[in-house]
PDB file of all heavy atoms in Angstrom:
ATOM      1  N   PRO A   1     -31.724  53.360 -49.986  1.00  0.00           N
ATOM      2  CA  PRO A   1     -30.569  53.520 -50.849  1.00  0.00           C
ATOM      3  C   PRO A   1     -30.795  54.692 -51.815  1.00  0.00           C
ATOM      4  O   PRO A   1     -31.879  54.950 -52.261  1.00  0.00           O
ATOM      5  CB  PRO A   1     -30.465  52.215 -51.607  1.00  0.00           C
ATOM      6  CG  PRO A   1     -31.231  51.219 -50.745  1.00  0.00           C
ATOM      7  CD  PRO A   1     -32.299  51.996 -50.046  1.00  0.00           C
ATOM      8  N   ALA A   2     -29.724  55.406 -52.154  1.00  0.00           N
ATOM      9  CA  ALA A   2     -29.822  56.577 -53.041  1.00  0.00           C
ATOM     10  C   ALA A   2     -30.743  57.635 -52.466  1.00  0.00           C
ATOM     11  O   ALA A   2     -31.468  58.313 -53.251  1.00  0.00           O
ATOM     12  CB  ALA A   2     -30.216  56.144 -54.411  1.00  0.00           C
ATOM     13  N   SER A   3     -30.764  57.845 -51.166  1.00  0.00           N
ATOM     14  CA  SER A   3     -31.691  58.806 -50.538  1.00  0.00           C
ATOM     15  C   SER A   3     -31.382  60.214 -50.997  1.00  0.00           C
ATOM     16  O   SER A   3     -32.327  61.005 -51.133  1.00  0.00           O
ATOM     17  CB  SER A   3     -31.523  58.741 -49.013  1.00  0.00           C
ATOM     18  OG  SER A   3     -32.085  57.536 -48.487  1.00  0.00           O
ATOM     19  N   GLY A   4     -30.113  60.559 -51.301  1.00  0.00           N
ATOM     20  CA  GLY A   4     -29.853  61.873 -51.768  1.00  0.00           C
ATOM     21  C   GLY A   4     -30.575  62.226 -53.066  1.00  0.00           C
ATOM     22  O   GLY A   4     -31.063  63.353 -53.197  1.00  0.00           O
ATOM     23  N   LYS A   5     -30.632  61.268 -53.979  1.00  0.00           N
ATOM     24  CA  LYS A   5     -31.353  61.501 -55.261  1.00  0.00           C
ATOM     25  C   LYS A   5     -32.908  61.478 -55.040  1.00  0.00           C
ATOM     26  O   LYS A   5     -33.613  62.282 -55.611  1.00  0.00           O
ATOM     27  CB  LYS A   5     -30.977  60.454 -56.229  1.00  0.00           C
ATOM     28  CG  LYS A   5     -29.536  60.481 -56.704  1.00  0.00           C
ATOM     29  CD  LYS A   5     -29.237  61.666 -57.577  1.00  0.00           C
ATOM     30  CE  LYS A   5     -27.849  61.640 -58.135  1.00  0.00           C
ATOM     31  NZ  LYS A   5     -27.531  62.818 -58.956  1.00  0.00           N
ATOM     32  N   LEU A   6     -33.357  60.547 -54.219  1.00  0.00           N
ATOM     33  CA  LEU A   6     -34.830  60.367 -54.055  1.00  0.00           C
ATOM     34  C   LEU A   6     -35.412  61.440 -53.214  1.00  0.00           C
ATOM     35  O   LEU A   6     -36.660  61.706 -53.332  1.00  0.00           O
ATOM     36  CB  LEU A   6     -35.077  59.022 -53.408  1.00  0.00           C
ATOM     37  CG  LEU A   6     -34.753  57.766 -54.240  1.00  0.00           C
ATOM     38  CD1 LEU A   6     -34.897  56.516 -53.419  1.00  0.00           C
ATOM     39  CD2 LEU A   6     -35.574  57.714 -55.519  1.00  0.00           C
ATOM     40  N   SER A   7     -34.611  62.188 -52.463  1.00  0.00           N
ATOM     41  CA  SER A   7     -35.165  63.267 -51.619  1.00  0.00           C
ATOM     42  C   SER A   7     -35.139  64.595 -52.287  1.00  0.00           C
ATOM     43  O   SER A   7     -35.449  65.640 -51.698  1.00  0.00           O
ATOM     44  CB  SER A   7     -34.396  63.317 -50.272  1.00  0.00           C
ATOM     45  OG  SER A   7     -33.040  63.625 -50.499  1.00  0.00           O
ATOM     46  N   THR A   8     -34.732  64.679 -53.551  1.00  0.00           N
ATOM     47  CA  THR A   8     -34.685  65.970 -54.228  1.00  0.00           C
ATOM     48  C   THR A   8     -36.017  66.262 -54.950  1.00  0.00           C
ATOM     49  O   THR A   8     -36.785  65.341 -55.255  1.00  0.00           O
ATOM     50  CB  THR A   8     -33.591  65.999 -55.318  1.00  0.00           C
ATOM     51  OG1 THR A   8     -33.847  64.921 -56.259  1.00  0.00           O
ATOM     52  CG2 THR A   8     -32.219  65.831 -54.702  1.00  0.00           C
ATOM     53  N   LEU A   9     -36.280  67.574 -55.057  1.00  0.00           N
ATOM     54  CA  LEU A   9     -37.496  67.981 -55.818  1.00  0.00           C
ATOM     55  C   LEU A   9     -37.084  68.681 -57.093  1.00  0.00           C
ATOM     56  O   LEU A   9     -36.060  69.319 -57.168  1.00  0.00           O
ATOM     57  CB  LEU A   9     -38.285  69.023 -54.945  1.00  0.00           C
ATOM     58  CG  LEU A   9     -38.703  68.678 -53.532  1.00  0.00           C
ATOM     59  CD1 LEU A   9     -39.387  69.725 -52.813  1.00  0.00           C
ATOM     60  CD2 LEU A   9     -39.615  67.397 -53.570  1.00  0.00           C
ATOM     61  N   ASN A  10     -37.880  68.480 -58.105  1.00  0.00           N
ATOM     62  CA  ASN A  10     -37.543  69.065 -59.382  1.00  0.00           C
ATOM     63  C   ASN A  10     -37.987  70.561 -59.428  1.00  0.00           C
ATOM     64  O   ASN A  10     -38.453  71.102 -58.425  1.00  0.00           O
ATOM     65  CB  ASN A  10     -38.164  68.301 -60.522  1.00  0.00           C
ATOM     66  CG  ASN A  10     -39.664  68.329 -60.612  1.00  0.00           C
ATOM     67  OD1 ASN A  10     -40.262  69.067 -59.844  1.00  0.00           O
ATOM     68  ND2 ASN A  10     -40.246  67.539 -61.455  1.00  0.00           N
ATOM     69  N   GLY A  11     -37.926  71.203 -60.567  1.00  0.00           N
ATOM     70  CA  GLY A  11     -38.311  72.592 -60.666  1.00  0.00           C
ATOM     71  C   GLY A  11     -39.706  72.861 -60.407  1.00  0.00           C
ATOM     72  O   GLY A  11     -40.093  74.046 -60.095  1.00  0.00           O
ATOM     73  N   ARG A  12     -40.551  71.875 -60.493  1.00  0.00           N
ATOM     74  CA  ARG A  12     -42.018  72.023 -60.180  1.00  0.00           C
ATOM     75  C   ARG A  12     -42.366  71.596 -58.721  1.00  0.00           C
ATOM     76  O   ARG A  12     -43.481  71.375 -58.422  1.00  0.00           O
ATOM     77  CB  ARG A  12     -42.858  71.228 -61.165  1.00  0.00           C
ATOM     78  CG  ARG A  12     -42.726  71.749 -62.615  1.00  0.00           C
ATOM     79  CD  ARG A  12     -43.516  70.893 -63.587  1.00  0.00           C
ATOM     80  NE  ARG A  12     -43.323  71.348 -64.973  1.00  0.00           N
ATOM     81  CZ  ARG A  12     -44.022  72.317 -65.585  1.00  0.00           C
ATOM     82  NH1 ARG A  12     -45.002  72.872 -64.927  1.00  0.00           N
ATOM     83  NH2 ARG A  12     -43.796  72.626 -66.823  1.00  0.00           N
ATOM     84  N   GLN A  13     -41.330  71.363 -57.974  1.00  0.00           N
ATOM     85  CA  GLN A  13     -41.408  71.086 -56.581  1.00  0.00           C
ATOM     86  C   GLN A  13     -42.167  69.797 -56.226  1.00  0.00           C
ATOM     87  O   GLN A  13     -42.991  69.672 -55.371  1.00  0.00           O
ATOM     88  CB  GLN A  13     -42.056  72.251 -55.779  1.00  0.00           C
ATOM     89  CG  GLN A  13     -41.248  73.493 -55.740  1.00  0.00           C
ATOM     90  CD  GLN A  13     -41.926  74.636 -55.069  1.00  0.00           C
ATOM     91  OE1 GLN A  13     -42.634  75.453 -55.616  1.00  0.00           O
ATOM     92  NE2 GLN A  13     -41.674  74.762 -53.779  1.00  0.00           N
ATOM     93  N   VAL A  14     -41.879  68.772 -57.069  1.00  0.00           N
ATOM     94  CA  VAL A  14     -42.375  67.420 -56.815  1.00  0.00           C
ATOM     95  C   VAL A  14     -41.199  66.486 -56.810  1.00  0.00           C
ATOM     96  O   VAL A  14     -40.206  66.718 -57.465  1.00  0.00           O
ATOM     97  CB  VAL A  14     -43.433  66.974 -57.839  1.00  0.00           C
ATOM     98  CG1 VAL A  14     -44.690  67.840 -57.743  1.00  0.00           C
ATOM     99  CG2 VAL A  14     -42.859  67.028 -59.222  1.00  0.00           C
ATOM    100  N   PRO A  15     -41.289  65.371 -56.079  1.00  0.00           N
ATOM    101  CA  PRO A  15     -40.189  64.348 -56.042  1.00  0.00           C
ATOM    102  C   PRO A  15     -40.074  63.489 -57.211  1.00  0.00           C
ATOM    103  O   PRO A  15     -40.574  62.401 -57.235  1.00  0.00           O
ATOM    104  CB  PRO A  15     -40.498  63.567 -54.722  1.00  0.00           C
ATOM    105  CG  PRO A  15     -41.998  63.607 -54.613  1.00  0.00           C
ATOM    106  CD  PRO A  15     -42.450  64.999 -55.168  1.00  0.00           C
ATOM    107  N   ALA A  16     -39.527  64.061 -58.275  1.00  0.00           N
ATOM    108  CA  ALA A  16     -39.545  63.366 -59.559  1.00  0.00           C
ATOM    109  C   ALA A  16     -38.803  61.983 -59.512  1.00  0.00           C
ATOM    110  O   ALA A  16     -39.316  61.057 -60.065  1.00  0.00           O
ATOM    111  CB  ALA A  16     -38.864  64.273 -60.605  1.00  0.00           C
ATOM    112  N   ASN A  17     -37.627  61.923 -58.848  1.00  0.00           N
ATOM    113  CA  ASN A  17     -36.919  60.625 -58.776  1.00  0.00           C
ATOM    114  C   ASN A  17     -37.772  59.557 -58.045  1.00  0.00           C
ATOM    115  O   ASN A  17     -37.718  58.382 -58.380  1.00  0.00           O
ATOM    116  CB  ASN A  17     -35.574  60.819 -58.135  1.00  0.00           C
ATOM    117  CG  ASN A  17     -34.604  61.556 -59.054  1.00  0.00           C
ATOM    118  OD1 ASN A  17     -34.734  61.482 -60.247  1.00  0.00           O
ATOM    119  ND2 ASN A  17     -33.696  62.286 -58.441  1.00  0.00           N
ATOM    120  N   ALA A  18     -38.474  60.001 -56.944  1.00  0.00           N
ATOM    121  CA  ALA A  18     -39.340  59.099 -56.243  1.00  0.00           C
ATOM    122  C   ALA A  18     -40.467  58.569 -57.130  1.00  0.00           C
ATOM    123  O   ALA A  18     -40.879  57.414 -57.061  1.00  0.00           O
ATOM    124  CB  ALA A  18     -39.855  59.700 -54.970  1.00  0.00           C
ATOM    125  N   ILE A  19     -41.015  59.467 -57.977  1.00  0.00           N
ATOM    126  CA  ILE A  19     -42.051  59.088 -58.905  1.00  0.00           C
ATOM    127  C   ILE A  19     -41.525  58.090 -59.895  1.00  0.00           C
ATOM    128  O   ILE A  19     -42.160  57.077 -60.184  1.00  0.00           O
ATOM    129  CB  ILE A  19     -42.570  60.366 -59.634  1.00  0.00           C
ATOM    130  CG1 ILE A  19     -43.333  61.302 -58.706  1.00  0.00           C
ATOM    131  CG2 ILE A  19     -43.500  59.968 -60.830  1.00  0.00           C
ATOM    132  CD1 ILE A  19     -43.639  62.662 -59.201  1.00  0.00           C
ATOM    133  N   TYR A  20     -40.294  58.362 -60.428  1.00  0.00           N
ATOM    134  CA  TYR A  20     -39.685  57.389 -61.334  1.00  0.00           C
ATOM    135  C   TYR A  20     -39.480  56.015 -60.661  1.00  0.00           C
ATOM    136  O   TYR A  20     -39.670  54.996 -61.273  1.00  0.00           O
ATOM    137  CB  TYR A  20     -38.360  57.890 -61.780  1.00  0.00           C
ATOM    138  CG  TYR A  20     -38.412  58.995 -62.848  1.00  0.00           C
ATOM    139  CD1 TYR A  20     -37.727  60.230 -62.681  1.00  0.00           C
ATOM    140  CD2 TYR A  20     -39.099  58.786 -64.016  1.00  0.00           C
ATOM    141  CE1 TYR A  20     -37.807  61.221 -63.634  1.00  0.00           C
ATOM    142  CE2 TYR A  20     -39.197  59.805 -64.981  1.00  0.00           C
ATOM    143  CZ  TYR A  20     -38.524  60.949 -64.823  1.00  0.00           C
ATOM    144  OH  TYR A  20     -38.611  61.962 -65.767  1.00  0.00           O
ATOM    145  N   LEU A  21     -39.078  56.016 -59.403  1.00  0.00           N
ATOM    146  CA  LEU A  21     -38.829  54.766 -58.720  1.00  0.00           C
ATOM    147  C   LEU A  21     -40.066  53.881 -58.655  1.00  0.00           C
ATOM    148  O   LEU A  21     -40.086  52.721 -59.025  1.00  0.00           O
ATOM    149  CB  LEU A  21     -38.319  55.011 -57.282  1.00  0.00           C
ATOM    150  CG  LEU A  21     -38.210  53.786 -56.307  1.00  0.00           C
ATOM    151  CD1 LEU A  21     -37.165  52.801 -56.884  1.00  0.00           C
ATOM    152  CD2 LEU A  21     -37.904  54.216 -54.926  1.00  0.00           C
ATOM    153  N   VAL A  22     -41.214  54.465 -58.175  1.00  0.00           N
ATOM    154  CA  VAL A  22     -42.446  53.748 -58.077  1.00  0.00           C
ATOM    155  C   VAL A  22     -42.930  53.315 -59.449  1.00  0.00           C
ATOM    156  O   VAL A  22     -43.373  52.171 -59.686  1.00  0.00           O
ATOM    157  CB  VAL A  22     -43.515  54.527 -57.269  1.00  0.00           C
ATOM    158  CG1 VAL A  22     -44.821  53.792 -57.259  1.00  0.00           C
ATOM    159  CG2 VAL A  22     -43.033  54.799 -55.869  1.00  0.00           C
ATOM    160  N   GLY A  23     -42.786  54.242 -60.405  1.00  0.00           N
ATOM    161  CA  GLY A  23     -43.323  53.940 -61.768  1.00  0.00           C
ATOM    162  C   GLY A  23     -42.533  52.857 -62.447  1.00  0.00           C
ATOM    163  O   GLY A  23     -43.084  51.987 -63.102  1.00  0.00           O
ATOM    164  N   VAL A  24     -41.229  52.867 -62.367  1.00  0.00           N
ATOM    165  CA  VAL A  24     -40.371  51.851 -63.007  1.00  0.00           C
ATOM    166  C   VAL A  24     -40.618  50.430 -62.334  1.00  0.00           C
ATOM    167  O   VAL A  24     -40.713  49.480 -63.046  1.00  0.00           O
ATOM    168  CB  VAL A  24     -38.886  52.257 -62.913  1.00  0.00           C
ATOM    169  CG1 VAL A  24     -37.989  51.071 -63.344  1.00  0.00           C
ATOM    170  CG2 VAL A  24     -38.632  53.484 -63.757  1.00  0.00           C
ATOM    171  N   LEU A  25     -40.710  50.448 -60.987  1.00  0.00           N
ATOM    172  CA  LEU A  25     -41.072  49.139 -60.353  1.00  0.00           C
ATOM    173  C   LEU A  25     -42.405  48.644 -60.877  1.00  0.00           C
ATOM    174  O   LEU A  25     -42.511  47.414 -61.092  1.00  0.00           O
ATOM    175  CB  LEU A  25     -41.049  49.348 -58.853  1.00  0.00           C
ATOM    176  CG  LEU A  25     -39.778  49.450 -58.096  1.00  0.00           C
ATOM    177  CD1 LEU A  25     -40.001  49.729 -56.643  1.00  0.00           C
ATOM    178  CD2 LEU A  25     -38.982  48.157 -58.242  1.00  0.00           C
ATOM    179  N   ALA A  26     -43.375  49.505 -61.053  1.00  0.00           N
ATOM    180  CA  ALA A  26     -44.647  49.142 -61.509  1.00  0.00           C
ATOM    181  C   ALA A  26     -44.583  48.540 -62.944  1.00  0.00           C
ATOM    182  O   ALA A  26     -45.209  47.551 -63.271  1.00  0.00           O
ATOM    183  CB  ALA A  26     -45.627  50.261 -61.503  1.00  0.00           C
ATOM    184  N   CYS A  27     -43.739  49.140 -63.800  1.00  0.00           N
ATOM    185  CA  CYS A  27     -43.536  48.625 -65.146  1.00  0.00           C
ATOM    186  C   CYS A  27     -42.924  47.238 -65.122  1.00  0.00           C
ATOM    187  O   CYS A  27     -43.336  46.365 -65.905  1.00  0.00           O
ATOM    188  CB  CYS A  27     -42.632  49.620 -65.947  1.00  0.00           C
ATOM    189  SG  CYS A  27     -43.395  51.168 -66.380  1.00  0.00           S
ATOM    190  N   LEU A  28     -41.961  47.043 -64.236  1.00  0.00           N
ATOM    191  CA  LEU A  28     -41.372  45.670 -64.073  1.00  0.00           C
ATOM    192  C   LEU A  28     -42.399  44.696 -63.616  1.00  0.00           C
ATOM    193  O   LEU A  28     -42.434  43.514 -64.124  1.00  0.00           O
ATOM    194  CB  LEU A  28     -40.159  45.742 -63.151  1.00  0.00           C
ATOM    195  CG  LEU A  28     -38.960  46.565 -63.611  1.00  0.00           C
ATOM    196  CD1 LEU A  28     -37.909  46.690 -62.495  1.00  0.00           C
ATOM    197  CD2 LEU A  28     -38.383  45.965 -64.893  1.00  0.00           C
ATOM    198  N   TYR A  29     -43.226  45.047 -62.576  1.00  0.00           N
ATOM    199  CA  TYR A  29     -44.212  44.087 -62.080  1.00  0.00           C
ATOM    200  C   TYR A  29     -45.247  43.795 -63.101  1.00  0.00           C
ATOM    201  O   TYR A  29     -45.798  42.670 -63.128  1.00  0.00           O
ATOM    202  CB  TYR A  29     -44.880  44.710 -60.827  1.00  0.00           C
ATOM    203  CG  TYR A  29     -43.995  44.851 -59.603  1.00  0.00           C
ATOM    204  CD1 TYR A  29     -44.479  45.497 -58.462  1.00  0.00           C
ATOM    205  CD2 TYR A  29     -42.796  44.211 -59.541  1.00  0.00           C
ATOM    206  CE1 TYR A  29     -43.705  45.617 -57.306  1.00  0.00           C
ATOM    207  CE2 TYR A  29     -42.010  44.320 -58.385  1.00  0.00           C
ATOM    208  CZ  TYR A  29     -42.467  45.020 -57.289  1.00  0.00           C
ATOM    209  OH  TYR A  29     -41.694  45.057 -56.140  1.00  0.00           O
ATOM    210  N   SER A  30     -45.598  44.729 -63.954  1.00  0.00           N
ATOM    211  CA  SER A  30     -46.631  44.535 -64.959  1.00  0.00           C
ATOM    212  C   SER A  30     -46.280  43.439 -65.963  1.00  0.00           C
ATOM    213  O   SER A  30     -47.109  42.893 -66.647  1.00  0.00           O
ATOM    214  CB  SER A  30     -46.943  45.851 -65.675  1.00  0.00           C
ATOM    215  OG  SER A  30     -45.851  46.238 -66.510  1.00  0.00           O
ATOM    216  N   LEU A  31     -44.952  43.107 -66.088  1.00  0.00           N
ATOM    217  CA  LEU A  31     -44.525  42.048 -66.943  1.00  0.00           C
ATOM    218  C   LEU A  31     -45.115  40.711 -66.614  1.00  0.00           C
ATOM    219  O   LEU A  31     -45.226  39.870 -67.434  1.00  0.00           O
ATOM    220  CB  LEU A  31     -42.950  41.911 -66.932  1.00  0.00           C
ATOM    221  CG  LEU A  31     -42.187  43.159 -67.481  1.00  0.00           C
ATOM    222  CD1 LEU A  31     -40.713  42.932 -67.365  1.00  0.00           C
ATOM    223  CD2 LEU A  31     -42.526  43.449 -68.950  1.00  0.00           C
ATOM    224  N   SER A  32     -45.577  40.572 -65.363  1.00  0.00           N
ATOM    225  CA  SER A  32     -46.194  39.293 -64.919  1.00  0.00           C
ATOM    226  C   SER A  32     -47.579  39.155 -65.599  1.00  0.00           C
ATOM    227  O   SER A  32     -48.042  38.018 -65.833  1.00  0.00           O
ATOM    228  CB  SER A  32     -46.366  39.243 -63.432  1.00  0.00           C
ATOM    229  OG  SER A  32     -47.319  40.233 -63.003  1.00  0.00           O
ATOM    230  N   GLY A  33     -48.249  40.218 -65.880  1.00  0.00           N
ATOM    231  CA  GLY A  33     -49.562  40.180 -66.513  1.00  0.00           C
ATOM    232  C   GLY A  33     -50.660  39.663 -65.621  1.00  0.00           C
ATOM    233  O   GLY A  33     -51.738  39.298 -66.096  1.00  0.00           O
ATOM    234  N   GLU A  34     -50.381  39.563 -64.313  1.00  0.00           N
ATOM    235  CA  GLU A  34     -51.265  38.920 -63.383  1.00  0.00           C
ATOM    236  C   GLU A  34     -51.969  39.948 -62.450  1.00  0.00           C
ATOM    237  O   GLU A  34     -51.353  40.401 -61.507  1.00  0.00           O
ATOM    238  CB  GLU A  34     -50.610  37.861 -62.520  1.00  0.00           C
ATOM    239  CG  GLU A  34     -50.081  36.683 -63.359  1.00  0.00           C
ATOM    240  CD  GLU A  34     -51.222  35.742 -63.717  1.00  0.00           C
ATOM    241  OE1 GLU A  34     -52.245  35.810 -63.077  1.00  0.00           O
ATOM    242  OE2 GLU A  34     -51.011  34.955 -64.678  1.00  0.00           O
ATOM    243  N   PHE A  35     -53.172  40.339 -62.762  1.00  0.00           N
ATOM    244  CA  PHE A  35     -53.883  41.360 -61.945  1.00  0.00           C
ATOM    245  C   PHE A  35     -54.000  40.838 -60.468  1.00  0.00           C
ATOM    246  O   PHE A  35     -53.778  41.558 -59.558  1.00  0.00           O
ATOM    247  CB  PHE A  35     -55.221  41.640 -62.570  1.00  0.00           C
ATOM    248  CG  PHE A  35     -56.102  42.545 -61.731  1.00  0.00           C
ATOM    249  CD1 PHE A  35     -55.797  43.889 -61.592  1.00  0.00           C
ATOM    250  CD2 PHE A  35     -57.192  42.031 -61.076  1.00  0.00           C
ATOM    251  CE1 PHE A  35     -56.593  44.739 -60.807  1.00  0.00           C
ATOM    252  CE2 PHE A  35     -57.978  42.878 -60.304  1.00  0.00           C
ATOM    253  CZ  PHE A  35     -57.687  44.160 -60.175  1.00  0.00           C
ATOM    254  N   ASP A  36     -54.635  39.659 -60.300  1.00  0.00           N
ATOM    255  CA  ASP A  36     -54.885  39.141 -58.951  1.00  0.00           C
ATOM    256  C   ASP A  36     -53.597  38.885 -58.181  1.00  0.00           C
ATOM    257  O   ASP A  36     -53.519  39.248 -56.938  1.00  0.00           O
ATOM    258  CB  ASP A  36     -55.668  37.864 -59.018  1.00  0.00           C
ATOM    259  CG  ASP A  36     -57.150  38.069 -59.502  1.00  0.00           C
ATOM    260  OD1 ASP A  36     -57.691  39.137 -59.148  1.00  0.00           O
ATOM    261  OD2 ASP A  36     -57.696  37.221 -60.202  1.00  0.00           O
ATOM    262  N   LEU A  37     -52.602  38.398 -58.805  1.00  0.00           N
ATOM    263  CA  LEU A  37     -51.287  38.202 -58.130  1.00  0.00           C
ATOM    264  C   LEU A  37     -50.752  39.508 -57.661  1.00  0.00           C
ATOM    265  O   LEU A  37     -50.261  39.620 -56.482  1.00  0.00           O
ATOM    266  CB  LEU A  37     -50.313  37.521 -59.055  1.00  0.00           C
ATOM    267  CG  LEU A  37     -48.898  37.365 -58.572  1.00  0.00           C
ATOM    268  CD1 LEU A  37     -48.868  36.370 -57.388  1.00  0.00           C
ATOM    269  CD2 LEU A  37     -47.964  36.916 -59.694  1.00  0.00           C
ATOM    270  N   LEU A  38     -50.734  40.507 -58.438  1.00  0.00           N
ATOM    271  CA  LEU A  38     -50.176  41.824 -58.130  1.00  0.00           C
ATOM    272  C   LEU A  38     -50.948  42.467 -56.969  1.00  0.00           C
ATOM    273  O   LEU A  38     -50.346  43.081 -56.070  1.00  0.00           O
ATOM    274  CB  LEU A  38     -50.161  42.736 -59.410  1.00  0.00           C
ATOM    275  CG  LEU A  38     -49.209  42.267 -60.471  1.00  0.00           C
ATOM    276  CD1 LEU A  38     -49.522  43.015 -61.777  1.00  0.00           C
ATOM    277  CD2 LEU A  38     -47.762  42.607 -60.056  1.00  0.00           C
ATOM    278  N   THR A  39     -52.282  42.471 -57.093  1.00  0.00           N
ATOM    279  CA  THR A  39     -53.119  43.138 -56.032  1.00  0.00           C
ATOM    280  C   THR A  39     -53.130  42.391 -54.667  1.00  0.00           C
ATOM    281  O   THR A  39     -53.239  43.015 -53.626  1.00  0.00           O
ATOM    282  CB  THR A  39     -54.496  43.386 -56.518  1.00  0.00           C
ATOM    283  OG1 THR A  39     -55.058  42.185 -56.988  1.00  0.00           O
ATOM    284  CG2 THR A  39     -54.526  44.377 -57.712  1.00  0.00           C
ATOM    285  N   ASP A  40     -53.069  41.029 -54.785  1.00  0.00           N
ATOM    286  CA  ASP A  40     -53.104  40.280 -53.515  1.00  0.00           C
ATOM    287  C   ASP A  40     -51.779  40.393 -52.780  1.00  0.00           C
ATOM    288  O   ASP A  40     -51.745  40.245 -51.547  1.00  0.00           O
ATOM    289  CB  ASP A  40     -53.315  38.791 -53.868  1.00  0.00           C
ATOM    290  CG  ASP A  40     -54.734  38.462 -54.315  1.00  0.00           C
ATOM    291  OD1 ASP A  40     -55.546  39.412 -54.135  1.00  0.00           O
ATOM    292  OD2 ASP A  40     -55.003  37.406 -54.800  1.00  0.00           O
ATOM    293  N   LEU A  41     -50.708  40.696 -53.446  1.00  0.00           N
ATOM    294  CA  LEU A  41     -49.339  40.658 -52.880  1.00  0.00           C
ATOM    295  C   LEU A  41     -49.232  41.592 -51.685  1.00  0.00           C
ATOM    296  O   LEU A  41     -48.661  41.269 -50.667  1.00  0.00           O
ATOM    297  CB  LEU A  41     -48.259  40.947 -53.926  1.00  0.00           C
ATOM    298  CG  LEU A  41     -46.799  40.831 -53.539  1.00  0.00           C
ATOM    299  CD1 LEU A  41     -46.497  39.426 -53.103  1.00  0.00           C
ATOM    300  CD2 LEU A  41     -45.924  41.336 -54.653  1.00  0.00           C
ATOM    301  N   GLY A  42     -49.785  42.799 -51.875  1.00  0.00           N
ATOM    302  CA  GLY A  42     -49.587  43.784 -50.800  1.00  0.00           C
ATOM    303  C   GLY A  42     -50.641  43.859 -49.761  1.00  0.00           C
ATOM    304  O   GLY A  42     -50.494  44.526 -48.727  1.00  0.00           O
ATOM    305  N   THR A  43     -51.814  43.181 -49.991  1.00  0.00           N
ATOM    306  CA  THR A  43     -52.922  43.407 -49.077  1.00  0.00           C
ATOM    307  C   THR A  43     -52.625  42.990 -47.610  1.00  0.00           C
ATOM    308  O   THR A  43     -52.876  43.692 -46.701  1.00  0.00           O
ATOM    309  CB  THR A  43     -54.175  42.628 -49.619  1.00  0.00           C
ATOM    310  OG1 THR A  43     -54.481  43.115 -50.913  1.00  0.00           O
ATOM    311  CG2 THR A  43     -55.393  42.850 -48.716  1.00  0.00           C
TER     312      THR A  43
END
């Protein structure tokens, strides 16, 4: 979803919107405060 935005590069030629996506999801996940839960989830 929103591929048009996520596939753009900023003036420094990095995918800024994709960086925001992963970073914002991480901020939301960090609200759990559970290190083991977070790291076990993806393994």
